[in-house]
Amino acid sequence: MGKFSQIDSLPLEIINQYKSFATNVFDCAIQSQNNVYIIHGSGSEQENKEKLPHFGDSIMNRNYYTAPREMVHFHLNTTCGSIILSGLCRNTVIICNKINHVLMRQCTDSNIYIKKGTVSGVDVLNCHHIFIKMPYHNYTNIEYGENVHFEADADNTSQLSVIGSLDITSNGCPLPVNPFTSVIITRNGIFHRGHGMSVKPYICKY
């Protein structure tokens, strides 16, 4: 209770600074929500997905459909945009500019090229036979995937999280993971979740 009462004793300009910061965070969150684009493939759980606008050069909607084997070129004029790829099947997606975040879920036999990388990272959930390539990654998360091939340069701050996945490669190097492991891979080694120590650094092209 004493900690809360101390806020009232702060100078008015300090309180206003906190209010301004909170307002900026809220505005950024709203802006990000307004810039989420979803591309539904044939495996998406979205009802009547085939009736959604077909993805084309103009980005006027938030939900699109793309048929199997089609190639999609995605270009946004802002890095605040995020893309969800849901249920793609034998598609190739080329994201031409740097964006905030990419989420892939339940995609199969698809190739993703992120030409200028992401701000917040990439999440790959329940995907199979996927190839992802970007120039650099800061944080990439692969959960319950199989046969996911990932190519990107990494530095000392990059993290690759792999949970419950099989046949995962980074820059052509097979990673020592299986469906029973949950690890974070950095330049310093492989860290098992729930343990305070890492295994011997895994030497590869990661």
C-alpha atoms as a PDB file:
ATOM      1  CA  MET A   1       0.000   0.000   0.000  1.00  0.00           C
ATOM      2  CA  GLY A   2       2.887   2.330   0.800  1.00  0.00           C
ATOM      3  CA  LYS A   3       4.353   1.877  -2.692  1.00  0.00           C
ATOM      4  CA  PHE A   4       1.133   3.053  -4.316  1.00  0.00           C
ATOM      5  CA  SER A   5       0.813   6.064  -2.042  1.00  0.00           C
ATOM      6  CA  GLN A   6       4.281   7.256  -3.111  1.00  0.00           C
ATOM      7  CA  ILE A   7       2.993   7.899  -6.651  1.00  0.00           C
ATOM      8  CA  ASP A   8       0.737  10.667  -5.361  1.00  0.00           C
ATOM      9  CA  SER A   9       3.754  12.465  -3.948  1.00  0.00           C
ATOM     10  CA  LEU A  10       5.546  12.628  -7.326  1.00  0.00           C
ATOM     11  CA  PRO A  11       5.790  16.000  -9.083  1.00  0.00           C
ATOM     12  CA  LEU A  12       3.026  16.618 -11.630  1.00  0.00           C
ATOM     13  CA  GLU A  13       5.458  16.737 -14.575  1.00  0.00           C
ATOM     14  CA  ILE A  14       6.753  13.239 -13.689  1.00  0.00           C
ATOM     15  CA  ILE A  15       3.213  11.865 -13.500  1.00  0.00           C
ATOM     16  CA  ASN A  16       2.450  13.431 -16.880  1.00  0.00           C
ATOM     17  CA  GLN A  17       5.551  11.793 -18.350  1.00  0.00           C
ATOM     18  CA  TYR A  18       4.295   8.376 -17.217  1.00  0.00           C
ATOM     19  CA  LYS A  19       0.878   9.150 -18.706  1.00  0.00           C
ATOM     20  CA  SER A  20       2.506  10.178 -21.984  1.00  0.00           C
ATOM     21  CA  PHE A  21       4.574   6.972 -22.083  1.00  0.00           C
ATOM     22  CA  ALA A  22       1.516   4.805 -21.404  1.00  0.00           C
ATOM     23  CA  THR A  23      -0.421   6.623 -24.113  1.00  0.00           C
ATOM     24  CA  ASN A  24       2.383   6.025 -26.637  1.00  0.00           C
ATOM     25  CA  VAL A  25       2.510   2.314 -25.798  1.00  0.00           C
ATOM     26  CA  PHE A  26      -1.259   2.055 -26.193  1.00  0.00           C
ATOM     27  CA  ASP A  27      -1.198   3.910 -29.521  1.00  0.00           C
ATOM     28  CA  CYS A  28       1.568   1.640 -30.832  1.00  0.00           C
ATOM     29  CA  ALA A  29      -0.407  -1.450 -29.821  1.00  0.00           C
ATOM     30  CA  ILE A  30      -3.508  -0.178 -31.623  1.00  0.00           C
ATOM     31  CA  GLN A  31      -1.459   0.705 -34.709  1.00  0.00           C
ATOM     32  CA  SER A  32       0.078  -2.770 -34.774  1.00  0.00           C
ATOM     33  CA  GLN A  33      -3.352  -4.409 -34.506  1.00  0.00           C
ATOM     34  CA  ASN A  34      -4.564  -2.295 -37.415  1.00  0.00           C
ATOM     35  CA  ASN A  35      -1.635  -3.452 -39.535  1.00  0.00           C
ATOM     36  CA  VAL A  36      -2.035  -7.222 -39.264  1.00  0.00           C
ATOM     37  CA  TYR A  37      -2.577  -8.960 -42.597  1.00  0.00           C
ATOM     38  CA  ILE A  38      -3.681 -12.588 -42.819  1.00  0.00           C
ATOM     39  CA  ILE A  39      -3.123 -14.745 -45.874  1.00  0.00           C
ATOM     40  CA  HIS A  40      -5.219 -17.913 -45.749  1.00  0.00           C
ATOM     41  CA  GLY A  41      -4.162 -20.964 -47.702  1.00  0.00           C
ATOM     42  CA  SER A  42      -6.162 -24.061 -48.545  1.00  0.00           C
ATOM     43  CA  GLY A  43      -5.341 -25.549 -45.120  1.00  0.00           C
ATOM     44  CA  SER A  44      -6.626 -22.589 -43.126  1.00  0.00           C
ATOM     45  CA  GLU A  45      -9.415 -23.156 -40.597  1.00  0.00           C
ATOM     46  CA  GLN A  46     -11.145 -19.948 -41.741  1.00  0.00           C
ATOM     47  CA  GLU A  47     -14.689 -20.626 -42.927  1.00  0.00           C
ATOM     48  CA  ASN A  48     -15.464 -19.725 -46.551  1.00  0.00           C
ATOM     49  CA  LYS A  49     -11.854 -18.752 -47.087  1.00  0.00           C
ATOM     50  CA  GLU A  50     -12.179 -19.203 -50.850  1.00  0.00           C
ATOM     51  CA  LYS A  51     -14.628 -16.270 -50.867  1.00  0.00           C
ATOM     52  CA  LEU A  52     -12.092 -13.883 -49.362  1.00  0.00           C
ATOM     53  CA  PRO A  53     -10.396 -11.407 -51.720  1.00  0.00           C
ATOM     54  CA  HIS A  54      -7.681 -13.076 -53.742  1.00  0.00           C
ATOM     55  CA  PHE A  55      -4.298 -11.688 -52.828  1.00  0.00           C
ATOM     56  CA  GLY A  56      -3.052  -9.239 -55.454  1.00  0.00           C
ATOM     57  CA  ASP A  57      -0.872  -6.189 -55.829  1.00  0.00           C
ATOM     58  CA  SER A  58      -3.195  -3.848 -53.933  1.00  0.00           C
ATOM     59  CA  ILE A  59      -3.453  -4.187 -50.130  1.00  0.00           C
ATOM     60  CA  MET A  60      -6.888  -2.869 -49.194  1.00  0.00           C
ATOM     61  CA  ASN A  61      -8.174  -5.634 -46.904  1.00  0.00           C
ATOM     62  CA  ARG A  62      -6.836  -7.520 -43.888  1.00  0.00           C
ATOM     63  CA  ASN A  63      -7.779 -11.080 -44.927  1.00  0.00           C
ATOM     64  CA  TYR A  64      -6.874 -12.774 -48.207  1.00  0.00           C
ATOM     65  CA  TYR A  65      -6.951 -16.175 -49.787  1.00  0.00           C
ATOM     66  CA  THR A  66      -4.315 -17.790 -51.954  1.00  0.00           C
ATOM     67  CA  ALA A  67      -4.772 -21.117 -53.724  1.00  0.00           C
ATOM     68  CA  PRO A  68      -2.198 -23.933 -53.575  1.00  0.00           C
ATOM     69  CA  ARG A  69       0.970 -23.506 -55.665  1.00  0.00           C
ATOM     70  CA  GLU A  70       0.488 -19.767 -56.081  1.00  0.00           C
ATOM     71  CA  MET A  71       3.284 -17.243 -55.498  1.00  0.00           C
ATOM     72  CA  VAL A  72       2.579 -14.192 -53.344  1.00  0.00           C
ATOM     73  CA  HIS A  73       4.625 -10.963 -53.378  1.00  0.00           C
ATOM     74  CA  PHE A  74       3.869  -8.929 -50.263  1.00  0.00           C
ATOM     75  CA  HIS A  75       4.972  -5.309 -49.961  1.00  0.00           C
ATOM     76  CA  LEU A  76       4.072  -2.863 -47.161  1.00  0.00           C
ATOM     77  CA  ASN A  77       5.075   0.772 -46.863  1.00  0.00           C
ATOM     78  CA  THR A  78       5.627   0.504 -43.109  1.00  0.00           C
ATOM     79  CA  THR A  79       7.675  -1.683 -40.756  1.00  0.00           C
ATOM     80  CA  CYS A  80       4.714  -1.668 -38.305  1.00  0.00           C
ATOM     81  CA  GLY A  81       2.860  -4.288 -40.342  1.00  0.00           C
ATOM     82  CA  SER A  82       2.697  -7.937 -39.311  1.00  0.00           C
ATOM     83  CA  ILE A  83       1.762 -10.924 -41.455  1.00  0.00           C
ATOM     84  CA  ILE A  84       0.007 -14.149 -40.479  1.00  0.00           C
ATOM     85  CA  LEU A  85       0.344 -17.035 -42.931  1.00  0.00           C
ATOM     86  CA  SER A  86      -2.350 -19.563 -42.088  1.00  0.00           C
ATOM     87  CA  GLY A  87      -2.692 -22.977 -43.708  1.00  0.00           C
ATOM     88  CA  LEU A  88      -0.520 -22.356 -46.749  1.00  0.00           C
ATOM     89  CA  CYS A  89      -0.092 -25.386 -48.986  1.00  0.00           C
ATOM     90  CA  ARG A  90       2.681 -25.544 -51.611  1.00  0.00           C
ATOM     91  CA  ASN A  91       2.913 -21.752 -51.742  1.00  0.00           C
ATOM     92  CA  THR A  92       5.839 -19.385 -52.135  1.00  0.00           C
ATOM     93  CA  VAL A  93       5.605 -16.078 -50.240  1.00  0.00           C
ATOM     94  CA  ILE A  94       8.068 -13.262 -50.886  1.00  0.00           C
ATOM     95  CA  ILE A  95       7.923 -10.438 -48.322  1.00  0.00           C
ATOM     96  CA  CYS A  96       9.713  -7.605 -50.039  1.00  0.00           C
ATOM     97  CA  ASN A  97      10.286  -5.094 -47.240  1.00  0.00           C
ATOM     98  CA  LYS A  98      11.189  -5.183 -43.557  1.00  0.00           C
ATOM     99  CA  ILE A  99       8.137  -5.784 -41.374  1.00  0.00           C
ATOM    100  CA  ASN A 100       7.358  -6.134 -37.694  1.00  0.00           C
ATOM    101  CA  HIS A 101       6.537  -9.814 -37.298  1.00  0.00           C
ATOM    102  CA  VAL A 102       5.692 -12.971 -39.245  1.00  0.00           C
ATOM    103  CA  LEU A 103       3.566 -15.789 -37.836  1.00  0.00           C
ATOM    104  CA  MET A 104       3.187 -19.066 -39.718  1.00  0.00           C
ATOM    105  CA  ARG A 105       0.684 -21.649 -38.535  1.00  0.00           C
ATOM    106  CA  GLN A 106      -0.303 -25.027 -39.976  1.00  0.00           C
ATOM    107  CA  CYS A 107       1.537 -24.459 -43.245  1.00  0.00           C
ATOM    108  CA  THR A 108       2.954 -27.270 -45.389  1.00  0.00           C
ATOM    109  CA  ASP A 109       5.348 -27.566 -48.322  1.00  0.00           C
ATOM    110  CA  SER A 110       5.880 -23.818 -48.583  1.00  0.00           C
ATOM    111  CA  ASN A 111       8.787 -21.409 -49.075  1.00  0.00           C
ATOM    112  CA  ILE A 112       9.019 -18.048 -47.310  1.00  0.00           C
ATOM    113  CA  TYR A 113      11.507 -15.360 -48.337  1.00  0.00           C
ATOM    114  CA  ILE A 114      11.738 -12.293 -46.081  1.00  0.00           C
ATOM    115  CA  LYS A 115      13.947  -9.992 -48.108  1.00  0.00           C
ATOM    116  CA  LYS A 116      14.802  -7.423 -45.392  1.00  0.00           C
ATOM    117  CA  GLY A 117      14.111  -9.302 -42.178  1.00  0.00           C
ATOM    118  CA  THR A 118      11.779  -8.498 -39.293  1.00  0.00           C
ATOM    119  CA  VAL A 119      11.708  -6.215 -36.272  1.00  0.00           C
ATOM    120  CA  SER A 120      10.161  -8.568 -33.698  1.00  0.00           C
ATOM    121  CA  GLY A 121      10.941 -11.964 -35.209  1.00  0.00           C
ATOM    122  CA  VAL A 122       9.324 -15.020 -36.759  1.00  0.00           C
ATOM    123  CA  ASP A 123       7.069 -17.659 -35.183  1.00  0.00           C
ATOM    124  CA  VAL A 124       6.566 -21.014 -36.925  1.00  0.00           C
ATOM    125  CA  LEU A 125       3.807 -23.094 -35.313  1.00  0.00           C
ATOM    126  CA  ASN A 126       2.723 -26.584 -36.374  1.00  0.00           C
ATOM    127  CA  CYS A 127       4.310 -26.322 -39.815  1.00  0.00           C
ATOM    128  CA  HIS A 128       5.806 -29.099 -41.947  1.00  0.00           C
ATOM    129  CA  HIS A 129       8.255 -29.084 -44.845  1.00  0.00           C
ATOM    130  CA  ILE A 130       8.963 -25.355 -44.692  1.00  0.00           C
ATOM    131  CA  PHE A 131      11.892 -23.333 -46.041  1.00  0.00           C
ATOM    132  CA  ILE A 132      12.458 -19.866 -44.553  1.00  0.00           C
ATOM    133  CA  LYS A 133      15.139 -17.459 -45.689  1.00  0.00           C
ATOM    134  CA  MET A 134      15.937 -13.951 -44.495  1.00  0.00           C
ATOM    135  CA  PRO A 135      19.140 -11.894 -44.339  1.00  0.00           C
ATOM    136  CA  TYR A 136      19.269 -11.741 -40.534  1.00  0.00           C
ATOM    137  CA  HIS A 137      17.195 -12.842 -37.578  1.00  0.00           C
ATOM    138  CA  ASN A 138      16.972 -11.559 -34.033  1.00  0.00           C
ATOM    139  CA  TYR A 139      14.452 -14.036 -32.613  1.00  0.00           C
ATOM    140  CA  THR A 140      12.939 -17.054 -34.340  1.00  0.00           C
ATOM    141  CA  ASN A 141      10.602 -19.522 -32.660  1.00  0.00           C
ATOM    142  CA  ILE A 142       9.769 -22.970 -34.095  1.00  0.00           C
ATOM    143  CA  GLU A 143       7.155 -25.001 -32.213  1.00  0.00           C
ATOM    144  CA  TYR A 144       5.914 -28.493 -33.064  1.00  0.00           C
ATOM    145  CA  GLY A 145       7.371 -28.332 -36.546  1.00  0.00           C
ATOM    146  CA  GLU A 146       8.820 -30.996 -38.768  1.00  0.00           C
ATOM    147  CA  ASN A 147      11.345 -30.654 -41.566  1.00  0.00           C
ATOM    148  CA  VAL A 148      11.790 -26.891 -41.185  1.00  0.00           C
ATOM    149  CA  HIS A 149      14.830 -25.405 -42.928  1.00  0.00           C
ATOM    150  CA  PHE A 150      15.916 -21.977 -41.777  1.00  0.00           C
ATOM    151  CA  GLU A 151      18.541 -19.694 -43.323  1.00  0.00           C
ATOM    152  CA  ALA A 152      19.642 -16.376 -41.827  1.00  0.00           C
ATOM    153  CA  ASP A 153      22.746 -14.718 -40.486  1.00  0.00           C
ATOM    154  CA  ALA A 154      22.970 -14.430 -36.711  1.00  0.00           C
ATOM    155  CA  ASP A 155      25.011 -12.412 -34.233  1.00  0.00           C
ATOM    156  CA  ASN A 156      25.601 -12.508 -30.494  1.00  0.00           C
ATOM    157  CA  THR A 157      22.058 -11.327 -29.729  1.00  0.00           C
ATOM    158  CA  SER A 158      20.222 -13.745 -32.043  1.00  0.00           C
ATOM    159  CA  GLN A 159      18.109 -16.514 -30.517  1.00  0.00           C
ATOM    160  CA  LEU A 160      16.547 -19.555 -32.130  1.00  0.00           C
ATOM    161  CA  SER A 161      13.935 -21.260 -29.956  1.00  0.00           C
ATOM    162  CA  VAL A 162      12.906 -24.825 -30.873  1.00  0.00           C
ATOM    163  CA  ILE A 163      10.130 -26.632 -28.996  1.00  0.00           C
ATOM    164  CA  GLY A 164       8.913 -30.174 -29.656  1.00  0.00           C
ATOM    165  CA  SER A 165      10.164 -30.287 -33.240  1.00  0.00           C
ATOM    166  CA  LEU A 166      11.885 -32.765 -35.549  1.00  0.00           C
ATOM    167  CA  ASP A 167      14.321 -32.438 -38.467  1.00  0.00           C
ATOM    168  CA  ILE A 168      15.179 -28.765 -38.044  1.00  0.00           C
ATOM    169  CA  THR A 169      18.178 -27.287 -39.848  1.00  0.00           C
ATOM    170  CA  SER A 170      19.837 -23.894 -39.550  1.00  0.00           C
ATOM    171  CA  ASN A 171      21.893 -22.736 -42.526  1.00  0.00           C
ATOM    172  CA  GLY A 172      22.164 -26.314 -43.760  1.00  0.00           C
ATOM    173  CA  CYS A 173      23.250 -27.680 -40.387  1.00  0.00           C
ATOM    174  CA  PRO A 174      20.961 -30.242 -38.653  1.00  0.00           C
ATOM    175  CA  LEU A 175      20.150 -29.185 -35.089  1.00  0.00           C
ATOM    176  CA  PRO A 176      20.247 -31.702 -32.199  1.00  0.00           C
ATOM    177  CA  VAL A 177      16.556 -31.426 -31.357  1.00  0.00           C
ATOM    178  CA  ASN A 178      13.671 -33.855 -31.188  1.00  0.00           C
ATOM    179  CA  PRO A 179       9.985 -33.750 -30.196  1.00  0.00           C
ATOM    180  CA  PHE A 180      10.947 -34.197 -26.537  1.00  0.00           C
ATOM    181  CA  THR A 181      13.333 -31.235 -26.301  1.00  0.00           C
ATOM    182  CA  SER A 182      12.794 -27.534 -25.710  1.00  0.00           C
ATOM    183  CA  VAL A 183      15.900 -25.464 -26.338  1.00  0.00           C
ATOM    184  CA  ILE A 184      17.168 -21.978 -27.098  1.00  0.00           C
ATOM    185  CA  ILE A 185      20.146 -21.831 -29.450  1.00  0.00           C
ATOM    186  CA  THR A 186      22.540 -18.887 -29.470  1.00  0.00           C
ATOM    187  CA  ARG A 187      26.118 -18.308 -30.545  1.00  0.00           C
ATOM    188  CA  ASN A 188      27.141 -19.410 -27.035  1.00  0.00           C
ATOM    189  CA  GLY A 189      25.548 -22.842 -27.181  1.00  0.00           C
ATOM    190  CA  ILE A 190      22.310 -24.715 -26.671  1.00  0.00           C
ATOM    191  CA  PHE A 191      20.310 -23.940 -23.531  1.00  0.00           C
ATOM    192  CA  HIS A 192      17.666 -26.393 -22.365  1.00  0.00           C
ATOM    193  CA  ARG A 193      14.589 -24.710 -20.933  1.00  0.00           C
ATOM    194  CA  GLY A 194      14.212 -25.234 -17.212  1.00  0.00           C
ATOM    195  CA  HIS A 195      17.942 -25.786 -16.693  1.00  0.00           C
ATOM    196  CA  GLY A 196      20.504 -23.223 -15.663  1.00  0.00           C
ATOM    197  CA  MET A 197      23.301 -24.632 -17.782  1.00  0.00           C
ATOM    198  CA  SER A 198      24.006 -25.082 -21.445  1.00  0.00           C
ATOM    199  CA  VAL A 199      25.364 -28.046 -23.305  1.00  0.00           C
ATOM    200  CA  LYS A 200      28.675 -27.877 -25.105  1.00  0.00           C
ATOM    201  CA  PRO A 201      28.465 -25.193 -27.830  1.00  0.00           C
ATOM    202  CA  TYR A 202      27.198 -26.717 -31.046  1.00  0.00           C
ATOM    203  CA  ILE A 203      29.573 -25.776 -33.848  1.00  0.00           C
ATOM    204  CA  CYS A 204      27.740 -25.135 -37.101  1.00  0.00           C
ATOM    205  CA  LYS A 205      26.895 -22.343 -39.488  1.00  0.00           C
ATOM    206  CA  TYR A 206      24.191 -20.940 -37.201  1.00  0.00           C
END
